[in-house]
């Protein structure tokens, strides 16, 4: 199946049922108890600094593990795989001295996910699987100063972010991604740099792929790290007409529900949600069992809040299996008809109603 056919199939599938995204990659990698040698492989055996913890690099050094994790999620019922590229921008990879690998990491990450998805599709041709090219937030923020003494200071510019995202997105497209996912957005300005870069890439390549955007509400204040409410976040990015908009990470399903509800009422596109497996415990782990997470998402689905569901930190194939079973057969949310009013956003949303 060609990419254009898959994109059509994705839209058709989303109109018929609630789609299931995969779960956490990092959680699964931790189960392998990898050491420094696993991360280095032969290619980076003599690299001058530690590489342990660079999960994106495993795409090159332990592709067998990344592929196995993809397969586990597909077997659990996932319709969409995220590529193992959350930190695969040149900006994030600078911590390991591997910025020059950004394009390759994204291309190969997409290729691994593509191969796994195609293999699963071959088993069930009536239910194609899709690849979402993951673009994480980077470890820099364009909106917040890194220095309390200098509120105007920044450690990254919009142009630098756009260049990094453009390189990563090109790799994902070249590797075979069906859609691009700008996820875990804690700073909307970072996300806008990514969306700007994606738009420029599409114009350069002469193609248009679906784009998903997923924000992160960092605490019970209901705001992103850069201070925006859910409504302001949506107003800030709705001009790109995303295939889906949603929320992920930071909170468990119980804490995230109110904000998914708000987004569902205001977004005139598909809504996605993939919460953590509850809140972290004292050791940074996640204790929420698959049936607990699934029960929350079942209620969201029954309440007509979501079109795409999955799991973030702490979730496993068991969580995704439970979630897939919990939403099976439930009619997907129908996006509301929104009047064409003037909508603006600062920290909070503004709508001019005549």
Foldseek 3Di string as FASTA:
>chain_A
DDLVVVQVVVVVVLQFFFAEEEEAPVVQVVVVVDDQCQLCAPVNPPQPDGDPPVQLSCLPRPVVSVLVQLLLLVVLPHQEYEFSCQQLFLQSCVVRPPSVCSLVSLLSSLQSNVVSQVVSCVVPVVRGHFYEYEYHLHPFAQQAAPDPVDRPDGPDHLVRLLVRLLSNVVSNVNNPHQEYEYEQALHLSSVVSNVVSLVVNCVVVVHDHAYEYAYEDQDLVQAGNSQAHLQQSCLSPCVVVHQEYEYEENAALVSCVVSLQVCQQPDQHFYEYAYELGHADPVRAHDRDLLRSLVSLLVCLQVQRHSYYYYYHRDGSSNSSSNSVSRPPGRHHHGDDDDPFDWHHDNYIDTDDD
